[in-house]
């Protein structure tokens, strides 16, 4: 799972007044590194404990579970925006991949929030850094697939199809985020027609994802 525990601290760093932008990014990057190291330390400690457990502890359900999973490895991921707000240049992509790899993360979450991401450069750098990848995005009220306005819903469908193509090009196995509505607060209940639009479009997106081996969440 992609690390979310540093989210509040990260938001605080990025919004803290009196600090320069470079300093705030430096602070958020330090939080990400510290969190990754702590996660890796805890995971290694659990493995060591499981491997050193003797037969006398085998009757404990919890210990048996730890022993069974001792060799398993769960990806510890981080969002690309922790390291850079620019994925439209080769340099920006390198900041994200190098930053995640050097901090000890094994997965990088790519926000597909714009059309100017350097997909080919990013894919090559992800491979070079040996990072797994997941993709995410959040729809807006202008392209909300749960809208009762068919034109708005169709814009959302086109945006999601584009995101599927980008995720496939990056060899991501997951497309997640707010893909079923707008990322924001509504001032009225969703209409029945809007719900029908949402279900119809999500079915199309799920079929498109299945062709490329992508899970939409």
N, C-alpha and C. Protein backbone atom coordinates (compact mmCIF):
# COMPACT_ATOMS: atom_id res chain seq x y z
N UNK A 1 0.84 -1.19 0.00
CA UNK A 1 0.00 0.00 0.00
C UNK A 1 0.88 1.25 0.00
N UNK A 2 0.39 2.26 -0.70
CA UNK A 2 1.15 3.50 -0.78
C UNK A 2 1.07 4.24 0.55
N UNK A 3 2.21 4.72 1.01
CA UNK A 3 2.28 5.36 2.32
C UNK A 3 1.38 6.58 2.40
N UNK A 4 0.50 6.61 3.39
CA UNK A 4 -0.38 7.75 3.59
C UNK A 4 -0.17 8.39 4.94
N UNK A 5 0.58 7.72 5.80
CA UNK A 5 0.73 8.22 7.17
C UNK A 5 1.47 9.55 7.25
N UNK A 6 2.28 9.85 6.24
CA UNK A 6 2.99 11.13 6.29
C UNK A 6 2.20 12.23 5.58
N UNK A 7 0.97 11.90 5.17
CA UNK A 7 0.19 12.87 4.41
C UNK A 7 -0.10 14.14 5.17
N UNK A 8 -0.52 14.02 6.44
CA UNK A 8 -0.83 15.21 7.21
C UNK A 8 0.41 16.07 7.43
N UNK A 9 1.51 15.41 7.77
CA UNK A 9 2.76 16.13 7.97
C UNK A 9 3.22 16.79 6.68
N UNK A 10 3.03 16.06 5.56
CA UNK A 10 3.43 16.61 4.26
C UNK A 10 2.61 17.86 3.95
N UNK A 11 1.29 17.79 4.16
CA UNK A 11 0.44 18.94 3.90
C UNK A 11 0.85 20.12 4.78
N UNK A 12 1.22 19.82 6.02
CA UNK A 12 1.66 20.88 6.93
C UNK A 12 2.93 21.53 6.41
N UNK A 13 3.85 20.69 5.92
CA UNK A 13 5.11 21.23 5.41
C UNK A 13 4.88 22.13 4.20
N UNK A 14 3.99 21.68 3.30
CA UNK A 14 3.77 22.43 2.06
C UNK A 14 2.97 23.70 2.28
N UNK A 15 2.22 23.77 3.40
CA UNK A 15 1.40 24.95 3.64
C UNK A 15 1.97 25.86 4.72
N UNK A 16 3.07 25.45 5.34
CA UNK A 16 3.62 26.22 6.45
C UNK A 16 4.12 27.57 5.98
N UNK A 17 3.64 28.61 6.61
CA UNK A 17 4.07 29.95 6.25
C UNK A 17 5.46 30.27 6.75
N UNK A 18 6.11 31.23 6.14
CA UNK A 18 7.41 31.68 6.60
C UNK A 18 8.56 30.82 6.11
N UNK A 19 8.26 29.77 5.34
CA UNK A 19 9.32 28.92 4.82
C UNK A 19 9.36 29.05 3.30
N UNK A 20 10.55 28.97 2.73
CA UNK A 20 10.68 29.02 1.28
C UNK A 20 10.16 27.72 0.68
N UNK A 21 9.83 27.76 -0.63
CA UNK A 21 9.34 26.55 -1.29
C UNK A 21 10.36 25.43 -1.24
N UNK A 22 11.64 25.75 -1.49
CA UNK A 22 12.68 24.74 -1.45
C UNK A 22 12.78 24.11 -0.06
N UNK A 23 12.68 24.95 0.96
CA UNK A 23 12.78 24.44 2.33
C UNK A 23 11.59 23.54 2.66
N UNK A 24 10.39 23.92 2.21
CA UNK A 24 9.23 23.11 2.50
C UNK A 24 9.31 21.75 1.79
N UNK A 25 9.79 21.76 0.54
CA UNK A 25 9.97 20.50 -0.18
C UNK A 25 11.03 19.64 0.48
N UNK A 26 12.08 20.30 0.98
CA UNK A 26 13.13 19.56 1.68
C UNK A 26 12.57 18.89 2.94
N UNK A 27 11.70 19.63 3.65
CA UNK A 27 11.09 19.09 4.87
C UNK A 27 10.20 17.90 4.56
N UNK A 28 9.38 18.01 3.48
CA UNK A 28 8.48 16.93 3.12
C UNK A 28 9.26 15.71 2.66
N UNK A 29 10.35 15.92 1.90
CA UNK A 29 11.18 14.81 1.46
C UNK A 29 11.83 14.10 2.64
N UNK A 30 12.26 14.85 3.63
CA UNK A 30 12.86 14.25 4.82
C UNK A 30 11.86 13.38 5.57
N UNK A 31 10.61 13.84 5.63
CA UNK A 31 9.57 13.03 6.27
C UNK A 31 9.37 11.72 5.54
N UNK A 32 9.37 11.77 4.21
CA UNK A 32 9.18 10.56 3.42
C UNK A 32 10.31 9.57 3.65
N UNK A 33 11.54 10.06 3.68
CA UNK A 33 12.70 9.21 3.90
C UNK A 33 12.62 8.57 5.29
N UNK A 34 12.32 9.37 6.29
CA UNK A 34 12.25 8.86 7.66
C UNK A 34 11.16 7.80 7.79
N UNK A 35 10.02 8.03 7.16
CA UNK A 35 8.93 7.07 7.26
C UNK A 35 9.29 5.77 6.56
N UNK A 36 9.94 5.86 5.40
CA UNK A 36 10.34 4.64 4.68
C UNK A 36 11.31 3.82 5.51
N UNK A 37 12.28 4.48 6.13
CA UNK A 37 13.26 3.77 6.93
C UNK A 37 12.62 3.08 8.13
N UNK A 38 11.66 3.76 8.75
CA UNK A 38 11.00 3.15 9.91
C UNK A 38 10.18 1.94 9.49
N UNK A 39 9.50 2.03 8.32
CA UNK A 39 8.72 0.90 7.83
C UNK A 39 9.62 -0.30 7.54
N UNK A 40 10.75 -0.04 6.88
CA UNK A 40 11.67 -1.11 6.54
C UNK A 40 12.26 -1.74 7.80
N UNK A 41 12.55 -0.92 8.81
CA UNK A 41 13.09 -1.44 10.06
C UNK A 41 12.09 -2.35 10.76
N UNK A 42 10.84 -1.93 10.81
CA UNK A 42 9.80 -2.74 11.45
C UNK A 42 9.60 -4.05 10.68
N UNK A 43 9.59 -3.98 9.36
CA UNK A 43 9.39 -5.18 8.57
C UNK A 43 10.54 -6.16 8.77
N UNK A 44 11.77 -5.66 8.81
CA UNK A 44 12.91 -6.54 9.02
C UNK A 44 12.88 -7.16 10.41
N UNK A 45 12.46 -6.39 11.41
CA UNK A 45 12.37 -6.91 12.77
C UNK A 45 11.34 -8.04 12.85
N UNK A 46 10.24 -7.90 12.14
CA UNK A 46 9.23 -8.95 12.13
C UNK A 46 9.76 -10.21 11.48
N UNK A 47 10.49 -10.04 10.38
CA UNK A 47 11.07 -11.21 9.71
C UNK A 47 12.06 -11.92 10.62
N UNK A 48 12.92 -11.14 11.26
CA UNK A 48 13.92 -11.74 12.15
C UNK A 48 13.25 -12.50 13.28
N UNK A 49 12.19 -11.92 13.85
CA UNK A 49 11.48 -12.58 14.94
C UNK A 49 10.82 -13.86 14.47
N UNK A 50 10.23 -13.81 13.26
CA UNK A 50 9.57 -15.00 12.74
C UNK A 50 10.56 -16.12 12.47
N UNK A 51 11.73 -15.77 11.92
CA UNK A 51 12.74 -16.78 11.60
C UNK A 51 13.36 -17.39 12.84
N UNK A 52 13.39 -16.62 13.94
CA UNK A 52 14.01 -17.12 15.17
C UNK A 52 13.02 -17.80 16.10
N UNK A 53 11.73 -17.82 15.73
CA UNK A 53 10.71 -18.44 16.58
C UNK A 53 10.90 -19.95 16.62
N UNK A 54 10.81 -20.51 17.77
CA UNK A 54 10.97 -21.94 17.96
C UNK A 54 9.65 -22.67 17.90
N UNK A 55 9.67 -24.02 17.92
CA UNK A 55 8.46 -24.82 17.86
C UNK A 55 7.49 -24.53 19.01
N UNK A 56 8.01 -24.08 20.15
CA UNK A 56 7.16 -23.85 21.31
C UNK A 56 6.15 -22.73 21.08
N UNK A 57 6.39 -21.89 20.10
CA UNK A 57 5.50 -20.77 19.82
C UNK A 57 4.59 -21.06 18.64
N UNK A 58 4.73 -22.26 18.08
CA UNK A 58 3.99 -22.58 16.86
C UNK A 58 2.49 -22.65 17.10
N UNK A 59 2.07 -22.82 18.33
CA UNK A 59 0.65 -22.94 18.62
C UNK A 59 -0.07 -21.59 18.59
N UNK A 60 0.68 -20.51 18.60
CA UNK A 60 0.07 -19.19 18.57
C UNK A 60 -0.36 -18.85 17.15
N UNK A 61 -1.64 -18.51 16.98
CA UNK A 61 -2.15 -18.19 15.65
C UNK A 61 -1.40 -17.02 15.06
N UNK A 62 -1.13 -16.02 15.85
CA UNK A 62 -0.44 -14.83 15.36
C UNK A 62 0.96 -15.16 14.89
N UNK A 63 1.67 -15.99 15.66
CA UNK A 63 3.03 -16.34 15.28
C UNK A 63 3.06 -17.21 14.04
N UNK A 64 2.06 -18.11 13.93
CA UNK A 64 2.01 -18.94 12.72
C UNK A 64 1.82 -18.07 11.49
N UNK A 65 0.98 -17.02 11.62
CA UNK A 65 0.76 -16.11 10.50
C UNK A 65 2.03 -15.37 10.14
N UNK A 66 2.77 -14.92 11.16
CA UNK A 66 4.02 -14.22 10.92
C UNK A 66 5.02 -15.12 10.23
N UNK A 67 5.09 -16.40 10.67
CA UNK A 67 6.03 -17.33 10.08
C UNK A 67 5.69 -17.61 8.62
N UNK A 68 4.37 -17.74 8.34
CA UNK A 68 3.95 -18.01 6.96
C UNK A 68 4.29 -16.84 6.04
N UNK A 69 4.22 -15.63 6.59
CA UNK A 69 4.46 -14.45 5.78
C UNK A 69 5.89 -13.92 5.90
N UNK A 70 6.77 -14.68 6.57
CA UNK A 70 8.12 -14.18 6.83
C UNK A 70 8.86 -13.86 5.55
N UNK A 71 8.58 -14.65 4.49
CA UNK A 71 9.28 -14.42 3.23
C UNK A 71 8.54 -13.49 2.29
N UNK A 72 7.35 -13.07 2.68
CA UNK A 72 6.56 -12.20 1.80
C UNK A 72 7.07 -10.77 1.83
N UNK A 73 6.82 -10.06 0.76
CA UNK A 73 7.28 -8.68 0.69
C UNK A 73 6.15 -7.80 0.17
N UNK A 74 5.69 -6.89 1.01
CA UNK A 74 4.66 -5.94 0.61
C UNK A 74 5.31 -4.65 0.15
N UNK A 75 4.86 -4.15 -0.99
CA UNK A 75 5.45 -2.92 -1.51
C UNK A 75 5.15 -1.75 -0.60
N UNK A 76 6.16 -0.97 -0.30
CA UNK A 76 5.99 0.27 0.46
C UNK A 76 6.15 1.41 -0.54
N UNK A 77 5.07 2.14 -0.78
CA UNK A 77 5.08 3.13 -1.84
C UNK A 77 4.98 4.55 -1.35
N UNK A 78 5.25 5.46 -2.26
CA UNK A 78 5.19 6.90 -1.96
C UNK A 78 4.67 7.63 -3.19
N UNK A 79 4.01 8.74 -2.95
CA UNK A 79 3.45 9.54 -4.04
C UNK A 79 4.55 10.38 -4.69
N UNK A 80 4.49 10.48 -6.02
CA UNK A 80 5.51 11.23 -6.76
C UNK A 80 5.57 12.69 -6.33
N UNK A 81 4.44 13.26 -5.89
CA UNK A 81 4.42 14.67 -5.52
C UNK A 81 5.21 14.96 -4.24
N UNK A 82 5.60 13.91 -3.53
CA UNK A 82 6.48 14.13 -2.37
C UNK A 82 7.82 14.70 -2.83
N UNK A 83 8.24 14.32 -4.03
CA UNK A 83 9.57 14.70 -4.50
C UNK A 83 9.56 15.78 -5.57
N UNK A 84 8.48 15.89 -6.33
CA UNK A 84 8.45 16.89 -7.39
C UNK A 84 7.00 17.17 -7.80
N UNK A 85 6.78 18.38 -8.26
CA UNK A 85 5.47 18.72 -8.80
C UNK A 85 5.49 18.76 -10.32
N UNK A 86 6.61 18.34 -10.91
CA UNK A 86 6.79 18.43 -12.36
C UNK A 86 7.14 17.06 -12.93
N UNK A 87 6.19 16.46 -13.65
CA UNK A 87 6.45 15.21 -14.35
C UNK A 87 6.41 15.42 -15.86
N UNK A 88 6.50 16.70 -16.27
CA UNK A 88 6.44 17.03 -17.69
C UNK A 88 7.84 17.14 -18.30
N UNK A 89 8.87 16.95 -17.49
CA UNK A 89 10.25 17.01 -17.99
C UNK A 89 11.01 15.78 -17.51
N UNK A 90 12.07 15.46 -18.24
CA UNK A 90 12.91 14.32 -17.86
C UNK A 90 13.53 14.54 -16.49
N UNK A 91 13.92 15.78 -16.22
CA UNK A 91 14.53 16.10 -14.93
C UNK A 91 13.52 15.91 -13.79
N UNK A 92 12.29 16.35 -14.01
CA UNK A 92 11.27 16.19 -12.98
C UNK A 92 10.97 14.73 -12.72
N UNK A 93 10.89 13.93 -13.76
CA UNK A 93 10.65 12.49 -13.60
C UNK A 93 11.78 11.84 -12.81
N UNK A 94 13.01 12.28 -13.10
CA UNK A 94 14.17 11.71 -12.40
C UNK A 94 14.14 12.06 -10.91
N UNK A 95 13.68 13.27 -10.58
CA UNK A 95 13.58 13.65 -9.17
C UNK A 95 12.65 12.70 -8.42
N UNK A 96 11.55 12.33 -9.06
CA UNK A 96 10.58 11.44 -8.41
C UNK A 96 11.13 10.03 -8.26
N UNK A 97 11.67 9.46 -9.33
CA UNK A 97 12.14 8.07 -9.28
C UNK A 97 13.39 7.93 -8.42
N UNK A 98 14.34 8.84 -8.58
CA UNK A 98 15.56 8.77 -7.79
C UNK A 98 15.28 9.02 -6.31
N UNK A 99 14.38 9.96 -6.05
CA UNK A 99 14.05 10.26 -4.66
C UNK A 99 13.39 9.08 -3.97
N UNK A 100 12.45 8.42 -4.67
CA UNK A 100 11.77 7.26 -4.08
C UNK A 100 12.73 6.10 -3.87
N UNK A 101 13.57 5.84 -4.86
CA UNK A 101 14.50 4.71 -4.74
C UNK A 101 15.53 4.94 -3.65
N UNK A 102 16.09 6.14 -3.59
CA UNK A 102 17.13 6.43 -2.60
C UNK A 102 16.56 6.42 -1.18
N UNK A 103 15.26 6.68 -1.04
CA UNK A 103 14.63 6.68 0.28
C UNK A 103 14.25 5.27 0.72
N UNK A 104 14.35 4.30 -0.17
CA UNK A 104 14.07 2.92 0.20
C UNK A 104 12.69 2.43 -0.18
N UNK A 105 11.93 3.23 -0.93
CA UNK A 105 10.61 2.79 -1.35
C UNK A 105 10.73 1.82 -2.52
N UNK A 106 9.72 0.97 -2.69
CA UNK A 106 9.73 0.01 -3.78
C UNK A 106 8.62 0.26 -4.79
N UNK A 107 7.79 1.26 -4.53
CA UNK A 107 6.68 1.58 -5.44
C UNK A 107 6.48 3.09 -5.49
N UNK A 108 6.18 3.59 -6.68
CA UNK A 108 5.94 5.02 -6.86
C UNK A 108 4.55 5.21 -7.43
N UNK A 109 3.75 6.06 -6.79
CA UNK A 109 2.41 6.37 -7.29
C UNK A 109 2.47 7.60 -8.18
N UNK A 110 1.99 7.44 -9.41
CA UNK A 110 2.04 8.51 -10.40
C UNK A 110 0.65 9.15 -10.53
N UNK A 111 0.53 10.46 -10.27
CA UNK A 111 -0.75 11.13 -10.43
C UNK A 111 -0.97 11.53 -11.90
N UNK A 112 -2.00 10.98 -12.51
CA UNK A 112 -2.30 11.29 -13.91
C UNK A 112 -3.27 12.46 -13.97
N UNK A 113 -2.81 13.58 -13.45
CA UNK A 113 -3.66 14.77 -13.33
C UNK A 113 -3.51 15.74 -14.48
N UNK A 114 -2.58 15.47 -15.39
CA UNK A 114 -2.39 16.36 -16.53
C UNK A 114 -1.98 15.52 -17.74
N UNK A 115 -2.02 16.15 -18.91
CA UNK A 115 -1.70 15.44 -20.16
C UNK A 115 -0.25 15.64 -20.60
N UNK A 116 0.54 16.35 -19.79
CA UNK A 116 1.90 16.67 -20.23
C UNK A 116 2.97 15.82 -19.53
N UNK A 117 2.57 14.68 -18.96
CA UNK A 117 3.54 13.80 -18.31
C UNK A 117 4.41 13.14 -19.36
N UNK A 118 5.71 13.11 -19.12
CA UNK A 118 6.66 12.45 -20.05
C UNK A 118 6.61 10.95 -19.82
N UNK A 119 5.63 10.30 -20.43
CA UNK A 119 5.37 8.89 -20.15
C UNK A 119 6.58 8.01 -20.47
N UNK A 120 7.16 8.18 -21.67
CA UNK A 120 8.27 7.31 -22.07
C UNK A 120 9.49 7.49 -21.17
N UNK A 121 9.81 8.74 -20.86
CA UNK A 121 10.96 9.01 -19.98
C UNK A 121 10.70 8.46 -18.59
N UNK A 122 9.49 8.64 -18.10
CA UNK A 122 9.15 8.16 -16.77
C UNK A 122 9.19 6.64 -16.71
N UNK A 123 8.70 5.98 -17.75
CA UNK A 123 8.73 4.52 -17.78
C UNK A 123 10.16 4.00 -17.73
N UNK A 124 11.05 4.61 -18.52
CA UNK A 124 12.44 4.18 -18.54
C UNK A 124 13.11 4.39 -17.17
N UNK A 125 12.80 5.50 -16.52
CA UNK A 125 13.41 5.80 -15.24
C UNK A 125 12.86 4.90 -14.13
N UNK A 126 11.60 4.54 -14.23
CA UNK A 126 11.03 3.59 -13.27
C UNK A 126 11.72 2.23 -13.39
N UNK A 127 11.96 1.82 -14.62
CA UNK A 127 12.67 0.55 -14.84
C UNK A 127 14.08 0.61 -14.29
N UNK A 128 14.76 1.72 -14.59
CA UNK A 128 16.14 1.88 -14.14
C UNK A 128 16.24 1.86 -12.62
N UNK A 129 15.26 2.47 -11.95
CA UNK A 129 15.26 2.52 -10.49
C UNK A 129 14.66 1.26 -9.88
N UNK A 130 14.17 0.36 -10.73
CA UNK A 130 13.57 -0.91 -10.28
C UNK A 130 12.40 -0.65 -9.33
N UNK A 131 11.54 0.28 -9.73
CA UNK A 131 10.37 0.62 -8.94
C UNK A 131 9.10 0.08 -9.58
N UNK A 132 8.23 -0.47 -8.76
CA UNK A 132 6.88 -0.78 -9.22
C UNK A 132 6.11 0.53 -9.30
N UNK A 133 4.96 0.50 -9.99
CA UNK A 133 4.23 1.75 -10.19
C UNK A 133 2.73 1.52 -10.07
N UNK A 134 2.06 2.49 -9.50
CA UNK A 134 0.60 2.54 -9.53
C UNK A 134 0.22 3.93 -10.03
N UNK A 135 -0.97 4.04 -10.60
CA UNK A 135 -1.42 5.32 -11.14
C UNK A 135 -2.73 5.75 -10.48
N UNK A 136 -2.90 7.05 -10.36
CA UNK A 136 -4.11 7.56 -9.73
C UNK A 136 -4.52 8.88 -10.37
N UNK A 137 -5.76 9.27 -10.14
CA UNK A 137 -6.25 10.57 -10.58
C UNK A 137 -7.54 10.87 -9.83
N UNK A 138 -7.95 12.12 -9.89
CA UNK A 138 -9.22 12.53 -9.31
C UNK A 138 -9.99 13.33 -10.33
N UNK A 139 -11.22 12.94 -10.61
CA UNK A 139 -12.05 13.68 -11.55
C UNK A 139 -12.48 15.01 -10.94
N UNK A 140 -12.84 15.95 -11.80
CA UNK A 140 -13.31 17.26 -11.35
C UNK A 140 -14.81 17.38 -11.64
N UNK A 141 -15.40 18.48 -11.22
CA UNK A 141 -16.82 18.68 -11.51
C UNK A 141 -17.05 18.94 -12.99
N UNK A 142 -15.99 19.26 -13.71
CA UNK A 142 -16.11 19.51 -15.15
C UNK A 142 -16.07 18.22 -15.96
N UNK A 143 -15.61 17.12 -15.34
CA UNK A 143 -15.57 15.83 -16.04
C UNK A 143 -16.00 14.70 -15.10
N UNK A 144 -17.05 14.97 -14.36
CA UNK A 144 -17.60 14.04 -13.37
C UNK A 144 -18.48 13.00 -14.07
N UNK A 145 -18.09 11.73 -14.01
CA UNK A 145 -18.88 10.71 -14.71
C UNK A 145 -20.20 10.42 -14.01
N UNK A 146 -20.38 10.91 -12.79
CA UNK A 146 -21.65 10.71 -12.09
C UNK A 146 -22.59 11.90 -12.28
N UNK A 147 -22.22 12.80 -13.19
CA UNK A 147 -23.06 13.97 -13.46
C UNK A 147 -24.28 13.57 -14.28
N UNK A 148 -25.38 14.26 -14.04
CA UNK A 148 -26.59 14.05 -14.84
C UNK A 148 -26.48 14.72 -16.21
N UNK A 149 -25.48 15.56 -16.37
CA UNK A 149 -25.21 16.22 -17.65
C UNK A 149 -24.37 15.26 -18.49
N UNK A 150 -24.94 14.74 -19.57
CA UNK A 150 -24.26 13.73 -20.37
C UNK A 150 -22.95 14.23 -20.97
N UNK A 151 -22.90 15.51 -21.31
CA UNK A 151 -21.67 16.07 -21.88
C UNK A 151 -20.55 16.04 -20.85
N UNK A 152 -20.85 16.37 -19.61
CA UNK A 152 -19.85 16.33 -18.53
C UNK A 152 -19.39 14.90 -18.30
N UNK A 153 -20.34 13.97 -18.25
CA UNK A 153 -20.00 12.56 -18.02
C UNK A 153 -19.13 12.01 -19.15
N UNK A 154 -19.39 12.43 -20.38
CA UNK A 154 -18.59 11.96 -21.51
C UNK A 154 -17.16 12.48 -21.43
N UNK A 155 -17.00 13.71 -20.96
CA UNK A 155 -15.64 14.24 -20.77
C UNK A 155 -14.89 13.39 -19.73
N UNK A 156 -15.60 13.00 -18.69
CA UNK A 156 -14.99 12.15 -17.68
C UNK A 156 -14.60 10.79 -18.25
N UNK A 157 -15.45 10.25 -19.11
CA UNK A 157 -15.13 8.97 -19.74
C UNK A 157 -13.87 9.08 -20.59
N UNK A 158 -13.77 10.14 -21.37
CA UNK A 158 -12.57 10.33 -22.20
C UNK A 158 -11.32 10.47 -21.33
N UNK A 159 -11.47 11.18 -20.24
CA UNK A 159 -10.31 11.37 -19.36
C UNK A 159 -9.88 10.04 -18.74
N UNK A 160 -10.83 9.22 -18.34
CA UNK A 160 -10.49 7.93 -17.74
C UNK A 160 -9.86 6.98 -18.76
N UNK A 161 -10.38 7.00 -19.99
CA UNK A 161 -9.79 6.17 -21.05
C UNK A 161 -8.35 6.58 -21.30
N UNK A 162 -8.10 7.90 -21.31
CA UNK A 162 -6.73 8.39 -21.48
C UNK A 162 -5.85 7.93 -20.33
N UNK A 163 -6.39 7.93 -19.12
CA UNK A 163 -5.63 7.49 -17.95
C UNK A 163 -5.29 6.00 -18.04
N UNK A 164 -6.22 5.22 -18.56
CA UNK A 164 -5.96 3.78 -18.74
C UNK A 164 -4.80 3.58 -19.71
N UNK A 165 -4.79 4.34 -20.80
CA UNK A 165 -3.70 4.22 -21.78
C UNK A 165 -2.36 4.61 -21.15
N UNK A 166 -2.37 5.66 -20.35
CA UNK A 166 -1.13 6.10 -19.70
C UNK A 166 -0.66 5.06 -18.69
N UNK A 167 -1.59 4.51 -17.92
CA UNK A 167 -1.23 3.48 -16.93
C UNK A 167 -0.65 2.25 -17.62
N UNK A 168 -1.24 1.87 -18.74
CA UNK A 168 -0.72 0.72 -19.48
C UNK A 168 0.68 1.01 -20.02
N UNK A 169 0.89 2.22 -20.52
CA UNK A 169 2.21 2.58 -21.05
C UNK A 169 3.27 2.57 -19.95
N UNK A 170 2.87 2.90 -18.73
CA UNK A 170 3.81 2.89 -17.59
C UNK A 170 3.93 1.51 -16.97
N UNK A 171 3.17 0.55 -17.49
CA UNK A 171 3.13 -0.82 -16.98
C UNK A 171 2.65 -0.87 -15.53
N UNK A 172 1.66 -0.04 -15.24
CA UNK A 172 1.04 -0.05 -13.93
C UNK A 172 -0.03 -1.13 -13.89
N UNK A 173 -0.15 -1.79 -12.74
CA UNK A 173 -1.17 -2.82 -12.59
C UNK A 173 -2.43 -2.27 -11.95
N UNK A 174 -2.39 -0.98 -11.54
CA UNK A 174 -3.50 -0.39 -10.80
C UNK A 174 -3.80 1.02 -11.29
N UNK A 175 -5.10 1.32 -11.40
CA UNK A 175 -5.56 2.68 -11.61
C UNK A 175 -6.56 2.98 -10.49
N UNK A 176 -6.23 3.95 -9.67
CA UNK A 176 -7.04 4.19 -8.49
C UNK A 176 -7.25 5.69 -8.28
N UNK A 177 -7.90 6.03 -7.19
CA UNK A 177 -8.17 7.43 -6.89
C UNK A 177 -9.67 7.70 -6.90
N UNK A 178 -10.06 8.93 -7.19
CA UNK A 178 -11.48 9.29 -7.27
C UNK A 178 -11.89 9.18 -8.74
N UNK A 179 -12.20 7.96 -9.14
CA UNK A 179 -12.51 7.68 -10.55
C UNK A 179 -14.01 7.51 -10.78
N UNK A 180 -14.81 7.70 -9.75
CA UNK A 180 -16.24 7.44 -9.82
C UNK A 180 -17.09 8.71 -9.64
N UNK A 181 -16.46 9.82 -9.30
CA UNK A 181 -17.17 11.09 -9.07
C UNK A 181 -16.14 12.21 -9.07
N UNK A 182 -16.59 13.41 -8.79
CA UNK A 182 -15.67 14.54 -8.68
C UNK A 182 -14.98 14.52 -7.32
N UNK A 183 -13.77 15.00 -7.30
CA UNK A 183 -13.02 15.14 -6.06
C UNK A 183 -13.43 16.46 -5.41
N UNK A 184 -14.44 16.42 -4.58
CA UNK A 184 -14.96 17.63 -3.96
C UNK A 184 -16.27 17.35 -3.26
N UNK A 185 -16.84 18.39 -2.66
CA UNK A 185 -18.10 18.26 -1.92
C UNK A 185 -19.28 18.63 -2.82
N UNK A 186 -20.31 17.83 -2.74
CA UNK A 186 -21.52 18.07 -3.52
C UNK A 186 -22.53 18.83 -2.66
N UNK A 187 -23.31 19.68 -3.30
CA UNK A 187 -24.33 20.43 -2.55
C UNK A 187 -25.73 19.85 -2.73
N UNK A 188 -25.78 18.66 -3.38
CA UNK A 188 -27.07 18.00 -3.56
C UNK A 188 -26.83 16.51 -3.77
N UNK A 189 -27.85 15.68 -3.52
CA UNK A 189 -27.69 14.23 -3.73
C UNK A 189 -27.47 13.91 -5.20
N UNK A 190 -26.84 12.80 -5.45
CA UNK A 190 -26.63 12.36 -6.83
C UNK A 190 -27.96 11.92 -7.42
N UNK A 191 -28.20 12.27 -8.67
CA UNK A 191 -29.46 11.92 -9.33
C UNK A 191 -29.42 10.49 -9.84
N UNK A 192 -30.59 9.95 -10.13
CA UNK A 192 -30.65 8.59 -10.66
C UNK A 192 -29.97 8.50 -12.02
N UNK A 193 -30.15 9.52 -12.84
CA UNK A 193 -29.50 9.52 -14.15
C UNK A 193 -27.99 9.62 -13.99
N UNK A 194 -27.54 10.43 -13.03
CA UNK A 194 -26.11 10.52 -12.77
C UNK A 194 -25.53 9.20 -12.32
N UNK A 195 -26.26 8.47 -11.48
CA UNK A 195 -25.80 7.15 -11.05
C UNK A 195 -25.72 6.18 -12.23
N UNK A 196 -26.71 6.25 -13.11
CA UNK A 196 -26.69 5.40 -14.31
C UNK A 196 -25.47 5.71 -15.18
N UNK A 197 -25.16 7.00 -15.34
CA UNK A 197 -23.97 7.38 -16.11
C UNK A 197 -22.71 6.80 -15.49
N UNK A 198 -22.62 6.92 -14.17
CA UNK A 198 -21.44 6.43 -13.45
C UNK A 198 -21.25 4.94 -13.66
N UNK A 199 -22.30 4.16 -13.46
CA UNK A 199 -22.22 2.71 -13.61
C UNK A 199 -21.88 2.32 -15.04
N UNK A 200 -22.53 2.95 -16.00
CA UNK A 200 -22.30 2.63 -17.41
C UNK A 200 -20.85 2.91 -17.81
N UNK A 201 -20.33 4.05 -17.39
CA UNK A 201 -18.97 4.43 -17.79
C UNK A 201 -17.94 3.57 -17.06
N UNK A 202 -18.17 3.30 -15.78
CA UNK A 202 -17.21 2.47 -15.05
C UNK A 202 -17.13 1.06 -15.64
N UNK A 203 -18.23 0.56 -16.14
CA UNK A 203 -18.18 -0.74 -16.80
C UNK A 203 -17.29 -0.70 -18.04
N UNK A 204 -17.40 0.38 -18.81
CA UNK A 204 -16.52 0.55 -19.98
C UNK A 204 -15.06 0.63 -19.56
N UNK A 205 -14.79 1.40 -18.50
CA UNK A 205 -13.41 1.56 -18.04
C UNK A 205 -12.87 0.24 -17.54
N UNK A 206 -13.70 -0.53 -16.84
CA UNK A 206 -13.25 -1.83 -16.32
C UNK A 206 -12.89 -2.77 -17.47
N UNK A 207 -13.68 -2.75 -18.55
CA UNK A 207 -13.37 -3.60 -19.70
C UNK A 207 -12.07 -3.15 -20.36
N UNK A 208 -11.87 -1.83 -20.47
CA UNK A 208 -10.63 -1.32 -21.06
C UNK A 208 -9.43 -1.70 -20.21
N UNK A 209 -9.58 -1.61 -18.90
CA UNK A 209 -8.49 -1.98 -17.98
C UNK A 209 -8.16 -3.47 -18.09
N UNK A 210 -9.19 -4.28 -18.21
CA UNK A 210 -8.98 -5.73 -18.25
C UNK A 210 -8.12 -6.14 -19.45
N UNK A 211 -8.25 -5.42 -20.55
CA UNK A 211 -7.46 -5.73 -21.74
C UNK A 211 -5.97 -5.56 -21.50
N UNK A 212 -5.63 -4.62 -20.59
CA UNK A 212 -4.22 -4.33 -20.30
C UNK A 212 -3.78 -4.90 -18.95
N UNK A 213 -4.61 -5.71 -18.33
CA UNK A 213 -4.23 -6.31 -17.06
C UNK A 213 -4.19 -5.31 -15.92
N UNK A 214 -5.02 -4.27 -16.00
CA UNK A 214 -5.03 -3.23 -14.98
C UNK A 214 -6.27 -3.38 -14.11
N UNK A 215 -6.09 -3.24 -12.82
CA UNK A 215 -7.22 -3.25 -11.88
C UNK A 215 -7.61 -1.82 -11.56
N UNK A 216 -8.88 -1.48 -11.75
CA UNK A 216 -9.36 -0.15 -11.40
C UNK A 216 -10.01 -0.24 -10.02
N UNK A 217 -9.59 0.66 -9.11
CA UNK A 217 -10.07 0.61 -7.73
C UNK A 217 -10.76 1.93 -7.40
